[in-house]
C-alpha atoms as a PDB file:
ATOM      1  CA  MET A   1     -32.430 -47.815  -5.694  1.00  0.00           C
ATOM      2  CA  SER A   2     -30.968 -46.734  -2.385  1.00  0.00           C
ATOM      3  CA  THR A   3     -32.874 -47.513   0.772  1.00  0.00           C
ATOM      4  CA  PRO A   4     -33.583 -44.656   3.161  1.00  0.00           C
ATOM      5  CA  SER A   5     -32.998 -45.356   6.835  1.00  0.00           C
ATOM      6  CA  GLU A   6     -35.177 -44.718   9.826  1.00  0.00           C
ATOM      7  CA  PRO A   7     -34.497 -41.296  11.314  1.00  0.00           C
ATOM      8  CA  GLY A   8     -31.843 -41.400  13.985  1.00  0.00           C
ATOM      9  CA  ASP A   9     -31.312 -45.167  14.337  1.00  0.00           C
ATOM     10  CA  GLY A  10     -29.478 -46.140  11.137  1.00  0.00           C
ATOM     11  CA  ARG A  11     -31.666 -49.175  10.522  1.00  0.00           C
ATOM     12  CA  ALA A  12     -33.273 -50.054   7.190  1.00  0.00           C
ATOM     13  CA  ASP A  13     -36.854 -49.003   6.620  1.00  0.00           C
ATOM     14  CA  PRO A  14     -38.938 -51.931   7.983  1.00  0.00           C
ATOM     15  CA  SER A  15     -41.444 -51.452   5.145  1.00  0.00           C
ATOM     16  CA  LEU A  16     -38.831 -52.215   2.468  1.00  0.00           C
ATOM     17  CA  ASP A  17     -39.907 -55.845   1.996  1.00  0.00           C
ATOM     18  CA  ALA A  18     -43.554 -54.848   1.626  1.00  0.00           C
ATOM     19  CA  ILE A  19     -42.628 -52.074  -0.791  1.00  0.00           C
ATOM     20  CA  MET A  20     -40.345 -54.135  -3.010  1.00  0.00           C
ATOM     21  CA  SER A  21     -42.732 -57.099  -3.075  1.00  0.00           C
ATOM     22  CA  GLU A  22     -45.138 -54.865  -4.999  1.00  0.00           C
ATOM     23  CA  ARG A  23     -42.653 -54.047  -7.775  1.00  0.00           C
ATOM     24  CA  ARG A  24     -43.536 -56.857 -10.162  1.00  0.00           C
ATOM     25  CA  ARG A  25     -47.271 -56.275  -9.791  1.00  0.00           C
ATOM     26  CA  LEU A  26     -46.818 -52.565 -10.438  1.00  0.00           C
ATOM     27  CA  ILE A  27     -44.795 -53.248 -13.592  1.00  0.00           C
ATOM     28  CA  ASN A  28     -47.506 -55.704 -14.676  1.00  0.00           C
ATOM     29  CA  LEU A  29     -50.058 -52.951 -14.265  1.00  0.00           C
ATOM     30  CA  ALA A  30     -48.051 -50.118 -15.821  1.00  0.00           C
ATOM     31  CA  TYR A  31     -46.939 -52.140 -18.854  1.00  0.00           C
ATOM     32  CA  ARG A  32     -50.520 -52.983 -19.759  1.00  0.00           C
ATOM     33  CA  MET A  33     -51.536 -49.360 -19.312  1.00  0.00           C
ATOM     34  CA  LEU A  34     -48.645 -47.961 -21.365  1.00  0.00           C
ATOM     35  CA  GLY A  35     -47.530 -50.677 -23.778  1.00  0.00           C
ATOM     36  CA  SER A  36     -43.898 -49.880 -22.965  1.00  0.00           C
ATOM     37  CA  LEU A  37     -41.686 -51.762 -20.543  1.00  0.00           C
ATOM     38  CA  ALA A  38     -39.233 -48.858 -20.334  1.00  0.00           C
ATOM     39  CA  GLU A  39     -42.024 -46.410 -19.458  1.00  0.00           C
ATOM     40  CA  ALA A  40     -43.533 -48.901 -17.002  1.00  0.00           C
ATOM     41  CA  GLU A  41     -40.218 -49.170 -15.173  1.00  0.00           C
ATOM     42  CA  ASP A  42     -39.956 -45.366 -15.095  1.00  0.00           C
ATOM     43  CA  VAL A  43     -43.455 -45.155 -13.613  1.00  0.00           C
ATOM     44  CA  VAL A  44     -42.603 -47.641 -10.878  1.00  0.00           C
ATOM     45  CA  GLN A  45     -39.370 -45.809 -10.101  1.00  0.00           C
ATOM     46  CA  GLU A  46     -41.273 -42.530  -9.811  1.00  0.00           C
ATOM     47  CA  THR A  47     -43.877 -44.218  -7.611  1.00  0.00           C
ATOM     48  CA  TYR A  48     -41.181 -45.407  -5.204  1.00  0.00           C
ATOM     49  CA  ALA A  49     -39.571 -41.970  -5.239  1.00  0.00           C
ATOM     50  CA  ARG A  50     -42.867 -40.416  -4.154  1.00  0.00           C
ATOM     51  CA  TRP A  51     -43.273 -43.013  -1.407  1.00  0.00           C
ATOM     52  CA  TYR A  52     -39.887 -42.289   0.082  1.00  0.00           C
ATOM     53  CA  ALA A  53     -40.458 -38.556  -0.263  1.00  0.00           C
ATOM     54  CA  LEU A  54     -43.289 -38.865   2.265  1.00  0.00           C
ATOM     55  CA  PRO A  55     -42.488 -38.032   5.875  1.00  0.00           C
ATOM     56  CA  GLN A  56     -42.222 -41.178   7.984  1.00  0.00           C
ATOM     57  CA  ARG A  57     -45.357 -40.317   9.969  1.00  0.00           C
ATOM     58  CA  GLN A  58     -47.387 -40.177   6.740  1.00  0.00           C
ATOM     59  CA  ARG A  59     -46.041 -43.528   5.587  1.00  0.00           C
ATOM     60  CA  ASP A  60     -46.882 -45.050   8.966  1.00  0.00           C
ATOM     61  CA  ALA A  61     -50.459 -43.776   8.640  1.00  0.00           C
ATOM     62  CA  ILE A  62     -51.057 -45.554   5.295  1.00  0.00           C
ATOM     63  CA  GLU A  63     -53.084 -48.695   5.973  1.00  0.00           C
ATOM     64  CA  SER A  64     -52.449 -50.405   2.611  1.00  0.00           C
ATOM     65  CA  VAL A  65     -49.014 -49.897   1.097  1.00  0.00           C
ATOM     66  CA  GLY A  66     -50.032 -51.817  -2.035  1.00  0.00           C
ATOM     67  CA  GLY A  67     -53.161 -49.736  -2.442  1.00  0.00           C
ATOM     68  CA  TRP A  68     -51.230 -46.489  -2.109  1.00  0.00           C
ATOM     69  CA  LEU A  69     -48.610 -47.610  -4.640  1.00  0.00           C
ATOM     70  CA  THR A  70     -51.272 -48.760  -7.102  1.00  0.00           C
ATOM     71  CA  THR A  71     -53.130 -45.471  -6.851  1.00  0.00           C
ATOM     72  CA  VAL A  72     -50.009 -43.393  -7.423  1.00  0.00           C
ATOM     73  CA  ALA A  73     -48.697 -45.587 -10.252  1.00  0.00           C
ATOM     74  CA  SER A  74     -52.077 -45.541 -12.020  1.00  0.00           C
ATOM     75  CA  ARG A  75     -52.318 -41.769 -11.781  1.00  0.00           C
ATOM     76  CA  ILE A  76     -48.809 -41.400 -13.179  1.00  0.00           C
ATOM     77  CA  CYS A  77     -49.769 -43.750 -16.036  1.00  0.00           C
ATOM     78  CA  LEU A  78     -52.820 -41.613 -16.768  1.00  0.00           C
ATOM     79  CA  ASP A  79     -50.574 -38.548 -17.058  1.00  0.00           C
ATOM     80  CA  VAL A  80     -48.062 -40.425 -19.229  1.00  0.00           C
ATOM     81  CA  LEU A  81     -50.811 -41.644 -21.556  1.00  0.00           C
ATOM     82  CA  GLY A  82     -52.043 -38.090 -22.007  1.00  0.00           C
ATOM     83  CA  SER A  83     -48.612 -36.823 -23.023  1.00  0.00           C
ATOM     84  CA  ALA A  84     -47.889 -39.956 -25.080  1.00  0.00           C
ATOM     85  CA  ARG A  85     -50.673 -39.129 -27.517  1.00  0.00           C
ATOM     86  CA  ALA A  86     -48.904 -35.919 -28.501  1.00  0.00           C
ATOM     87  CA  ARG A  87     -45.552 -37.701 -28.771  1.00  0.00           C
ATOM     88  CA  ARG A  88     -46.979 -40.445 -30.957  1.00  0.00           C
ATOM     89  CA  GLU A  89     -48.474 -37.934 -33.350  1.00  0.00           C
ATOM     90  CA  ARG A  90     -44.878 -36.910 -34.064  1.00  0.00           C
ATOM     91  CA  TYR A  91     -43.622 -40.508 -34.188  1.00  0.00           C
ATOM     92  CA  VAL A  92     -42.078 -41.559 -37.503  1.00  0.00           C
ATOM     93  CA  GLY A  93     -44.258 -44.268 -39.043  1.00  0.00           C
ATOM     94  CA  GLU A  94     -46.416 -46.721 -37.117  1.00  0.00           C
ATOM     95  CA  TRP A  95     -46.174 -47.083 -33.320  1.00  0.00           C
ATOM     96  CA  ILE A  96     -46.299 -50.643 -31.953  1.00  0.00           C
ATOM     97  CA  PRO A  97     -46.200 -51.561 -28.249  1.00  0.00           C
ATOM     98  CA  GLU A  98     -42.791 -52.603 -26.971  1.00  0.00           C
ATOM     99  CA  PRO A  99     -42.448 -56.406 -27.260  1.00  0.00           C
ATOM    100  CA  LEU A 100     -41.735 -58.418 -24.122  1.00  0.00           C
ATOM    101  CA  PRO A 101     -39.037 -61.089 -24.280  1.00  0.00           C
ATOM    102  CA  GLU A 102     -39.010 -64.425 -22.539  1.00  0.00           C
ATOM    103  CA  ARG A 103     -35.934 -66.503 -21.936  1.00  0.00           C
ATOM    104  CA  THR A 104     -37.027 -69.771 -23.532  1.00  0.00           C
ATOM    105  CA  GLU A 105     -37.829 -71.018 -26.993  1.00  0.00           C
ATOM    106  CA  TRP A 106     -41.324 -72.194 -27.672  1.00  0.00           C
ATOM    107  CA  THR A 107     -42.042 -75.698 -28.880  1.00  0.00           C
ATOM    108  CA  VAL A 108     -44.772 -77.349 -30.871  1.00  0.00           C
ATOM    109  CA  GLY A 109     -46.223 -80.151 -28.764  1.00  0.00           C
ATOM    110  CA  PRO A 110     -49.477 -82.077 -28.398  1.00  0.00           C
ATOM    111  CA  SER A 111     -52.510 -79.843 -28.387  1.00  0.00           C
ATOM    112  CA  GLY A 112     -53.852 -79.296 -24.920  1.00  0.00           C
ATOM    113  CA  GLY A 113     -54.454 -75.583 -24.783  1.00  0.00           C
ATOM    114  CA  THR A 114     -57.761 -73.880 -24.394  1.00  0.00           C
ATOM    115  CA  THR A 115     -59.091 -70.707 -25.890  1.00  0.00           C
ATOM    116  CA  ALA A 116     -58.910 -67.507 -23.912  1.00  0.00           C
ATOM    117  CA  ASP A 117     -61.780 -66.329 -21.798  1.00  0.00           C
ATOM    118  CA  PRO A 118     -64.460 -64.171 -23.423  1.00  0.00           C
ATOM    119  CA  ALA A 119     -63.764 -60.461 -23.792  1.00  0.00           C
ATOM    120  CA  ASP A 120     -65.755 -59.623 -20.660  1.00  0.00           C
ATOM    121  CA  ARG A 121     -63.275 -61.604 -18.560  1.00  0.00           C
ATOM    122  CA  VAL A 122     -59.715 -60.891 -19.578  1.00  0.00           C
ATOM    123  CA  THR A 123     -56.912 -63.015 -18.165  1.00  0.00           C
ATOM    124  CA  LEU A 124     -53.456 -61.659 -17.388  1.00  0.00           C
ATOM    125  CA  ASP A 125     -51.939 -63.858 -20.088  1.00  0.00           C
ATOM    126  CA  GLU A 126     -54.422 -62.606 -22.671  1.00  0.00           C
ATOM    127  CA  SER A 127     -53.967 -58.973 -21.676  1.00  0.00           C
ATOM    128  CA  VAL A 128     -50.271 -58.982 -22.531  1.00  0.00           C
ATOM    129  CA  THR A 129     -50.509 -60.292 -26.107  1.00  0.00           C
ATOM    130  CA  MET A 130     -49.525 -57.882 -28.857  1.00  0.00           C
ATOM    131  CA  ALA A 131     -52.976 -58.123 -30.427  1.00  0.00           C
ATOM    132  CA  PHE A 132     -54.629 -57.097 -27.166  1.00  0.00           C
ATOM    133  CA  LEU A 133     -52.186 -54.255 -26.506  1.00  0.00           C
ATOM    134  CA  VAL A 134     -52.836 -52.872 -29.986  1.00  0.00           C
ATOM    135  CA  VAL A 135     -56.552 -52.695 -29.151  1.00  0.00           C
ATOM    136  CA  LEU A 136     -55.734 -50.885 -25.909  1.00  0.00           C
ATOM    137  CA  GLU A 137     -53.900 -48.269 -27.984  1.00  0.00           C
ATOM    138  CA  SER A 138     -57.220 -47.281 -29.582  1.00  0.00           C
ATOM    139  CA  MET A 139     -58.689 -46.277 -26.219  1.00  0.00           C
ATOM    140  CA  THR A 140     -58.641 -42.905 -24.516  1.00  0.00           C
ATOM    141  CA  PRO A 141     -56.271 -42.689 -21.525  1.00  0.00           C
ATOM    142  CA  ALA A 142     -59.191 -42.773 -19.063  1.00  0.00           C
ATOM    143  CA  GLU A 143     -60.806 -45.761 -20.817  1.00  0.00           C
ATOM    144  CA  ARG A 144     -57.552 -47.685 -20.827  1.00  0.00           C
ATOM    145  CA  VAL A 145     -56.766 -47.101 -17.168  1.00  0.00           C
ATOM    146  CA  ALA A 146     -60.303 -47.890 -16.011  1.00  0.00           C
ATOM    147  CA  PHE A 147     -60.477 -51.016 -18.186  1.00  0.00           C
ATOM    148  CA  VAL A 148     -57.090 -52.376 -17.113  1.00  0.00           C
ATOM    149  CA  LEU A 149     -57.807 -51.768 -13.438  1.00  0.00           C
ATOM    150  CA  HIS A 150     -61.293 -53.292 -13.501  1.00  0.00           C
ATOM    151  CA  ASP A 151     -61.396 -55.932 -16.263  1.00  0.00           C
ATOM    152  CA  VAL A 152     -57.800 -57.152 -16.036  1.00  0.00           C
ATOM    153  CA  PHE A 153     -56.752 -56.580 -12.403  1.00  0.00           C
ATOM    154  CA  ARG A 154     -60.238 -56.940 -10.887  1.00  0.00           C
ATOM    155  CA  TYR A 155     -60.464 -53.685  -8.945  1.00  0.00           C
ATOM    156  CA  SER A 156     -64.023 -52.689  -8.078  1.00  0.00           C
ATOM    157  CA  PHE A 157     -65.451 -49.581  -9.721  1.00  0.00           C
ATOM    158  CA  ALA A 158     -65.429 -47.887  -6.318  1.00  0.00           C
ATOM    159  CA  GLU A 159     -61.686 -48.542  -6.088  1.00  0.00           C
ATOM    160  CA  VAL A 160     -61.132 -47.456  -9.706  1.00  0.00           C
ATOM    161  CA  ALA A 161     -63.049 -44.250  -9.031  1.00  0.00           C
ATOM    162  CA  GLU A 162     -60.829 -43.410  -6.085  1.00  0.00           C
ATOM    163  CA  ILE A 163     -57.712 -44.070  -8.157  1.00  0.00           C
ATOM    164  CA  VAL A 164     -58.653 -42.078 -11.278  1.00  0.00           C
ATOM    165  CA  GLY A 165     -60.613 -39.353  -9.537  1.00  0.00           C
ATOM    166  CA  ARG A 166     -63.992 -39.989 -11.173  1.00  0.00           C
ATOM    167  CA  THR A 167     -67.300 -41.358  -9.948  1.00  0.00           C
ATOM    168  CA  PRO A 168     -67.938 -45.117  -9.943  1.00  0.00           C
ATOM    169  CA  VAL A 169     -70.684 -44.589 -12.542  1.00  0.00           C
ATOM    170  CA  ALA A 170     -68.280 -42.724 -14.816  1.00  0.00           C
ATOM    171  CA  CYS A 171     -65.659 -45.457 -14.407  1.00  0.00           C
ATOM    172  CA  ARG A 172     -68.225 -48.129 -15.230  1.00  0.00           C
ATOM    173  CA  GLN A 173     -69.071 -46.235 -18.425  1.00  0.00           C
ATOM    174  CA  LEU A 174     -65.392 -45.904 -19.338  1.00  0.00           C
ATOM    175  CA  ALA A 175     -64.794 -49.622 -18.863  1.00  0.00           C
ATOM    176  CA  SER A 176     -67.940 -50.471 -20.821  1.00  0.00           C
ATOM    177  CA  SER A 177     -66.817 -48.313 -23.742  1.00  0.00           C
ATOM    178  CA  ALA A 178     -63.389 -49.919 -23.661  1.00  0.00           C
ATOM    179  CA  ARG A 179     -64.947 -53.387 -23.559  1.00  0.00           C
ATOM    180  CA  ARG A 180     -66.931 -52.613 -26.709  1.00  0.00           C
ATOM    181  CA  ARG A 181     -63.702 -51.687 -28.467  1.00  0.00           C
ATOM    182  CA  VAL A 182     -62.169 -54.999 -27.421  1.00  0.00           C
ATOM    183  CA  ARG A 183     -65.138 -57.005 -28.653  1.00  0.00           C
ATOM    184  CA  ALA A 184     -65.212 -55.152 -31.970  1.00  0.00           C
ATOM    185  CA  SER A 185     -61.493 -55.380 -32.709  1.00  0.00           C
ATOM    186  CA  HIS A 186     -60.011 -58.381 -30.958  1.00  0.00           C
ATOM    187  CA  THR A 187     -60.406 -62.121 -31.453  1.00  0.00           C
ATOM    188  CA  PRO A 188     -59.576 -64.195 -28.352  1.00  0.00           C
ATOM    189  CA  ALA A 189     -56.404 -66.201 -28.859  1.00  0.00           C
ATOM    190  CA  GLY A 190     -56.711 -69.873 -29.703  1.00  0.00           C
ATOM    191  CA  PRO A 191     -54.524 -72.704 -28.376  1.00  0.00           C
ATOM    192  CA  ALA A 192     -50.833 -71.797 -28.264  1.00  0.00           C
ATOM    193  CA  THR A 193     -49.889 -75.095 -29.934  1.00  0.00           C
ATOM    194  CA  GLU A 194     -51.884 -74.224 -33.076  1.00  0.00           C
ATOM    195  CA  HIS A 195     -50.421 -70.719 -33.062  1.00  0.00           C
ATOM    196  CA  ALA A 196     -46.919 -72.183 -32.744  1.00  0.00           C
ATOM    197  CA  ALA A 197     -47.442 -74.627 -35.608  1.00  0.00           C
ATOM    198  CA  LEU A 198     -48.526 -71.808 -37.921  1.00  0.00           C
ATOM    199  CA  VAL A 199     -45.612 -69.574 -36.946  1.00  0.00           C
ATOM    200  CA  ARG A 200     -43.124 -72.424 -37.419  1.00  0.00           C
ATOM    201  CA  GLY A 201     -44.608 -73.177 -40.843  1.00  0.00           C
ATOM    202  CA  PHE A 202     -44.364 -69.482 -41.668  1.00  0.00           C
ATOM    203  CA  LYS A 203     -40.686 -69.414 -40.630  1.00  0.00           C
ATOM    204  CA  GLN A 204     -39.847 -72.481 -42.703  1.00  0.00           C
ATOM    205  CA  ALA A 205     -41.664 -71.170 -45.785  1.00  0.00           C
ATOM    206  CA  TRP A 206     -39.970 -67.785 -45.426  1.00  0.00           C
ATOM    207  CA  GLU A 207     -36.510 -69.324 -45.093  1.00  0.00           C
ATOM    208  CA  ALA A 208     -37.257 -71.419 -48.198  1.00  0.00           C
ATOM    209  CA  LYS A 209     -38.455 -68.257 -50.028  1.00  0.00           C
ATOM    210  CA  ASP A 210     -41.614 -70.205 -50.865  1.00  0.00           C
ATOM    211  CA  ILE A 211     -44.212 -67.570 -51.777  1.00  0.00           C
ATOM    212  CA  LYS A 212     -46.928 -70.120 -52.444  1.00  0.00           C
ATOM    213  CA  ALA A 213     -46.486 -71.739 -49.021  1.00  0.00           C
ATOM    214  CA  LEU A 214     -46.503 -68.352 -47.303  1.00  0.00           C
ATOM    215  CA  VAL A 215     -49.733 -67.374 -49.042  1.00  0.00           C
ATOM    216  CA  THR A 216     -51.443 -70.541 -47.777  1.00  0.00           C
ATOM    217  CA  LEU A 217     -50.498 -69.612 -44.187  1.00  0.00           C
ATOM    218  CA  LEU A 218     -51.582 -65.980 -44.416  1.00  0.00           C
ATOM    219  CA  ASP A 219     -55.170 -64.768 -44.327  1.00  0.00           C
ATOM    220  CA  PRO A 220     -56.065 -63.187 -47.690  1.00  0.00           C
ATOM    221  CA  ASP A 221     -56.759 -59.941 -45.787  1.00  0.00           C
ATOM    222  CA  ALA A 222     -53.690 -60.182 -43.561  1.00  0.00           C
ATOM    223  CA  THR A 223     -51.868 -57.014 -42.536  1.00  0.00           C
ATOM    224  CA  THR A 224     -48.238 -56.405 -41.634  1.00  0.00           C
ATOM    225  CA  VAL A 225     -47.275 -53.311 -39.634  1.00  0.00           C
ATOM    226  CA  ALA A 226     -43.654 -52.305 -38.971  1.00  0.00           C
ATOM    227  CA  ASP A 227     -42.249 -49.930 -36.352  1.00  0.00           C
ATOM    228  CA  GLY A 228     -38.825 -48.420 -36.985  1.00  0.00           C
ATOM    229  CA  GLY A 229     -39.433 -45.172 -35.129  1.00  0.00           C
ATOM    230  CA  GLY A 230     -37.243 -43.314 -37.597  1.00  0.00           C
ATOM    231  CA  LEU A 231     -34.228 -45.129 -36.119  1.00  0.00           C
ATOM    232  CA  ALA A 232     -34.308 -48.249 -38.307  1.00  0.00           C
ATOM    233  CA  SER A 233     -35.566 -48.863 -41.830  1.00  0.00           C
ATOM    234  CA  ALA A 234     -39.213 -49.907 -41.868  1.00  0.00           C
ATOM    235  CA  ARG A 235     -42.156 -49.365 -44.188  1.00  0.00           C
ATOM    236  CA  LEU A 236     -44.106 -46.316 -43.060  1.00  0.00           C
ATOM    237  CA  GLN A 237     -47.414 -47.783 -44.223  1.00  0.00           C
ATOM    238  CA  PRO A 238     -48.918 -51.212 -43.461  1.00  0.00           C
ATOM    239  CA  ILE A 239     -48.832 -53.937 -46.101  1.00  0.00           C
ATOM    240  CA  ASP A 240     -52.266 -55.411 -46.793  1.00  0.00           C
ATOM    241  CA  GLY A 241     -53.061 -58.740 -48.413  1.00  0.00           C
ATOM    242  CA  GLY A 242     -51.515 -62.169 -47.943  1.00  0.00           C
ATOM    243  CA  GLU A 243     -49.901 -62.360 -51.367  1.00  0.00           C
ATOM    244  CA  ARG A 244     -48.396 -58.858 -51.130  1.00  0.00           C
ATOM    245  CA  ILE A 245     -46.971 -59.675 -47.708  1.00  0.00           C
ATOM    246  CA  ALA A 246     -45.513 -62.972 -48.930  1.00  0.00           C
ATOM    247  CA  ARG A 247     -43.783 -61.332 -51.888  1.00  0.00           C
ATOM    248  CA  TYR A 248     -42.453 -58.527 -49.729  1.00  0.00           C
ATOM    249  CA  LEU A 249     -40.996 -60.958 -47.177  1.00  0.00           C
ATOM    250  CA  VAL A 250     -39.303 -63.092 -49.814  1.00  0.00           C
ATOM    251  CA  ASP A 251     -37.836 -59.981 -51.420  1.00  0.00           C
ATOM    252  CA  LEU A 252     -36.614 -58.802 -48.013  1.00  0.00           C
ATOM    253  CA  LEU A 253     -34.814 -62.081 -47.385  1.00  0.00           C
ATOM    254  CA  ALA A 254     -33.312 -62.037 -50.871  1.00  0.00           C
ATOM    255  CA  ARG A 255     -31.837 -58.588 -50.117  1.00  0.00           C
ATOM    256  CA  THR A 256     -30.544 -59.631 -46.670  1.00  0.00           C
ATOM    257  CA  PRO A 257     -29.662 -63.333 -46.951  1.00  0.00           C
ATOM    258  CA  ALA A 258     -27.620 -63.241 -43.733  1.00  0.00           C
ATOM    259  CA  LEU A 259     -30.789 -62.866 -41.625  1.00  0.00           C
ATOM    260  CA  THR A 260     -31.466 -65.735 -39.240  1.00  0.00           C
ATOM    261  CA  PHE A 261     -34.725 -66.398 -37.417  1.00  0.00           C
ATOM    262  CA  LEU A 262     -35.156 -67.683 -33.876  1.00  0.00           C
ATOM    263  CA  GLU A 263     -38.328 -69.107 -32.385  1.00  0.00           C
ATOM    264  CA  ARG A 264     -39.014 -67.004 -29.314  1.00  0.00           C
ATOM    265  CA  THR A 265     -42.022 -66.190 -27.175  1.00  0.00           C
ATOM    266  CA  VAL A 266     -43.195 -62.632 -27.784  1.00  0.00           C
ATOM    267  CA  ASN A 267     -45.723 -61.216 -25.320  1.00  0.00           C
ATOM    268  CA  GLY A 268     -46.761 -64.661 -24.227  1.00  0.00           C
ATOM    269  CA  ARG A 269     -47.326 -66.085 -27.716  1.00  0.00           C
ATOM    270  CA  PRO A 270     -45.036 -67.833 -30.248  1.00  0.00           C
ATOM    271  CA  GLY A 271     -43.162 -65.283 -32.338  1.00  0.00           C
ATOM    272  CA  LEU A 272     -39.898 -64.818 -34.211  1.00  0.00           C
ATOM    273  CA  VAL A 273     -36.702 -62.870 -33.650  1.00  0.00           C
ATOM    274  CA  ALA A 274     -34.603 -61.816 -36.646  1.00  0.00           C
ATOM    275  CA  GLN A 275     -30.869 -61.513 -36.126  1.00  0.00           C
ATOM    276  CA  TYR A 276     -28.109 -60.173 -38.331  1.00  0.00           C
ATOM    277  CA  ASP A 277     -24.556 -61.188 -37.400  1.00  0.00           C
ATOM    278  CA  GLY A 278     -25.896 -62.287 -34.025  1.00  0.00           C
ATOM    279  CA  VAL A 279     -27.569 -58.950 -33.289  1.00  0.00           C
ATOM    280  CA  THR A 280     -31.347 -58.752 -32.868  1.00  0.00           C
ATOM    281  CA  VAL A 281     -32.706 -56.422 -35.554  1.00  0.00           C
ATOM    282  CA  ALA A 282     -36.422 -57.212 -35.479  1.00  0.00           C
ATOM    283  CA  VAL A 283     -39.073 -58.945 -33.393  1.00  0.00           C
ATOM    284  CA  TYR A 284     -42.169 -60.421 -35.036  1.00  0.00           C
ATOM    285  CA  ALA A 285     -45.466 -60.885 -33.184  1.00  0.00           C
ATOM    286  CA  PHE A 286     -48.408 -62.698 -34.777  1.00  0.00           C
ATOM    287  CA  GLU A 287     -52.164 -62.839 -34.409  1.00  0.00           C
ATOM    288  CA  VAL A 288     -53.751 -66.064 -35.605  1.00  0.00           C
ATOM    289  CA  VAL A 289     -57.435 -66.159 -36.488  1.00  0.00           C
ATOM    290  CA  GLY A 290     -58.820 -69.565 -37.314  1.00  0.00           C
ATOM    291  CA  ASP A 291     -56.132 -71.447 -39.240  1.00  0.00           C
ATOM    292  CA  ARG A 292     -54.415 -68.427 -40.796  1.00  0.00           C
ATOM    293  CA  ILE A 293     -52.106 -65.624 -39.711  1.00  0.00           C
ATOM    294  CA  LYS A 294     -54.152 -62.421 -39.657  1.00  0.00           C
ATOM    295  CA  HIS A 295     -51.724 -59.795 -38.343  1.00  0.00           C
ATOM    296  CA  ILE A 296     -47.961 -59.479 -38.160  1.00  0.00           C
ATOM    297  CA  TRP A 297     -46.340 -56.744 -36.057  1.00  0.00           C
ATOM    298  CA  VAL A 298     -42.674 -56.066 -36.737  1.00  0.00           C
ATOM    299  CA  VAL A 299     -40.710 -54.046 -34.182  1.00  0.00           C
ATOM    300  CA  ARG A 300     -37.428 -52.663 -35.565  1.00  0.00           C
ATOM    301  CA  ASN A 301     -37.001 -49.596 -33.370  1.00  0.00           C
ATOM    302  CA  PRO A 302     -33.709 -50.339 -31.542  1.00  0.00           C
ATOM    303  CA  GLU A 303     -34.919 -48.521 -28.437  1.00  0.00           C
ATOM    304  CA  LYS A 304     -37.740 -51.052 -28.132  1.00  0.00           C
ATOM    305  CA  LEU A 305     -35.366 -53.961 -28.731  1.00  0.00           C
ATOM    306  CA  ARG A 306     -33.062 -53.206 -25.800  1.00  0.00           C
ATOM    307  CA  PRO A 307     -34.630 -55.870 -23.514  1.00  0.00           C
ATOM    308  CA  TRP A 308     -33.819 -58.413 -26.256  1.00  0.00           C
ATOM    309  CA  THR A 309     -30.084 -57.780 -26.134  1.00  0.00           C
ATOM    310  CA  ALA A 310     -27.809 -60.095 -24.153  1.00  0.00           C
ATOM    311  CA  GLU A 311     -27.596 -57.536 -21.355  1.00  0.00           C
ATOM    312  CA  GLY A 312     -31.325 -56.893 -21.322  1.00  0.00           C
ATOM    313  CA  ARG A 313     -32.151 -60.590 -21.262  1.00  0.00           C
ATOM    314  CA  GLY A 314     -30.452 -60.763 -17.880  1.00  0.00           C
ATOM    315  CA  ARG A 315     -33.089 -58.519 -16.302  1.00  0.00           C
ATOM    316  CA  ASP A 316     -36.445 -59.614 -14.937  1.00  0.00           C
ATOM    317  CA  THR A 317     -38.741 -58.506 -17.743  1.00  0.00           C
ATOM    318  CA  SER A 318     -41.601 -60.834 -16.907  1.00  0.00           C
ATOM    319  CA  THR A 319     -45.048 -59.305 -16.653  1.00  0.00           C
ATOM    320  CA  GLY A 320     -47.020 -62.500 -16.493  1.00  0.00           C
ATOM    321  CA  ASP A 321     -49.231 -63.678 -13.672  1.00  0.00           C
ATOM    322  CA  GLU A 322     -47.278 -64.447 -10.525  1.00  0.00           C
END
């Protein structure tokens, strides 16, 4: 992004450092609101464009640059969420949030993790998991924005009201409704080491085409959902039941024996990446409940896998706490 200069003196805008220091936080915010890194980056770009479109005297009059950027980005997200509902009704098959890559493999080490905070206090790490983002998808745009601003990023309801253009009472009600959805649909994540051990066991059983071992790792009521977006082959309907999932996975590997699986962190939790001839063709995110795998989300849409390519892995795609 080019940097505008001060009128008449040729010097860089002195607010540039303050503006750019907000970029990561804004992407953090927008990704959780939208479930798409690409859309989050577009929102932040549009937010900056609106900032630099302001006359210099208006920019100088803004007391809190971060507050102004947050307000504008949140309002853009609210608009995007409204239009996204119509787009997703036309989406081919199931829509899954875009998975976030990390640059390192995960390991199974001594248990030392702790469970996530209760649903009425969401941490940044918890709010980026695939399971949590899927719950956010069930909310109305206003509920999602109010909930993310208040429960995740700790804005007061007075601040949320100013951002979304509603009363504080209305915003409190929106966040409360969203919180009920979270409590009804989402189980706080357990220790990452236990999650990792289950996913590694799942990978080993799958590679061995061991249906019996897979069934023991899957919850009897487990569900697998795949997202191809009409651009890659994927089942249009979820697969329900641990045994059905296990048989499907073994059959899939039998039909594509050249698939290899890498242990990679997906949205802050241990997951798997499937590659074919060195090219990433699918990303697997897991939700573990108790000592079994309850949900598997498979992203095959190549547009959502761009950050997982060699070029994309070179970008800063982190949306974790700073």
